[in-house]
Amino acid sequence: MENLTRLDSFPVDVWFDEAMQVIEFIQQVHMKTNIIGTSGGVIVAINMH
């Protein structure tokens, strides 16, 4: 079993980084989308726009 380290806190730009990953995924699968996610996911959708 691996030795895993836990974060003390999330990086300030964690939502932006996750939004960039989502954008790349959508482009790779040629998906058309306007809004992604709800609640916490809304922050990702806003960052994508």
Protein backbone atom coordinates (compact mmCIF):
# COMPACT_ATOMS: atom_id res chain seq x y z
CA MET A 1 0.00 0.00 0.00
CA GLU A 2 1.27 3.46 -0.90
CA ASN A 3 2.13 6.12 1.62
CA LEU A 4 -0.35 8.91 0.86
CA THR A 5 0.03 12.47 2.09
CA ARG A 6 -3.01 14.61 2.80
CA LEU A 7 -3.27 18.27 1.88
CA ASP A 8 -3.44 20.84 4.66
CA SER A 9 -5.38 23.08 2.28
CA PHE A 10 -6.30 23.25 -1.38
CA PRO A 11 -4.30 25.48 -3.73
CA VAL A 12 -5.92 28.87 -4.36
CA ASP A 13 -6.43 28.10 -8.05
CA VAL A 14 -7.78 24.56 -7.65
CA TRP A 15 -11.11 25.43 -9.31
CA PHE A 16 -9.37 27.08 -12.25
CA ASP A 17 -7.10 24.05 -12.73
CA GLU A 18 -10.09 21.69 -12.61
CA ALA A 19 -11.93 23.90 -15.12
CA MET A 20 -8.97 23.65 -17.50
CA GLN A 21 -9.05 19.85 -17.20
CA VAL A 22 -12.79 19.78 -17.96
CA ILE A 23 -12.32 22.04 -20.99
CA GLU A 24 -9.59 19.77 -22.34
CA PHE A 25 -11.76 16.68 -21.82
CA ILE A 26 -14.72 18.29 -23.60
CA GLN A 27 -12.52 19.26 -26.53
CA GLN A 28 -11.00 15.77 -26.75
CA VAL A 29 -14.40 14.05 -26.91
CA HIS A 30 -15.88 16.76 -29.18
CA MET A 31 -18.73 17.42 -26.77
CA LYS A 32 -20.92 20.54 -27.06
CA THR A 33 -21.88 22.04 -23.73
CA ASN A 34 -23.09 25.26 -22.15
CA ILE A 35 -23.09 24.57 -18.41
CA ILE A 36 -21.38 21.82 -16.47
CA GLY A 37 -22.13 20.87 -12.91
CA THR A 38 -24.19 22.27 -10.06
CA SER A 39 -23.37 23.58 -6.62
CA GLY A 40 -19.56 23.44 -6.32
CA GLY A 41 -19.37 22.52 -10.01
CA VAL A 42 -20.84 25.89 -10.94
CA ILE A 43 -17.53 27.49 -10.04
CA VAL A 44 -15.88 25.25 -12.63
CA ALA A 45 -18.48 26.18 -15.24
CA ILE A 46 -17.96 29.89 -14.56
CA ASN A 47 -14.20 29.48 -14.93
CA MET A 48 -14.72 27.75 -18.26
CA HIS A 49 -16.67 30.62 -19.75
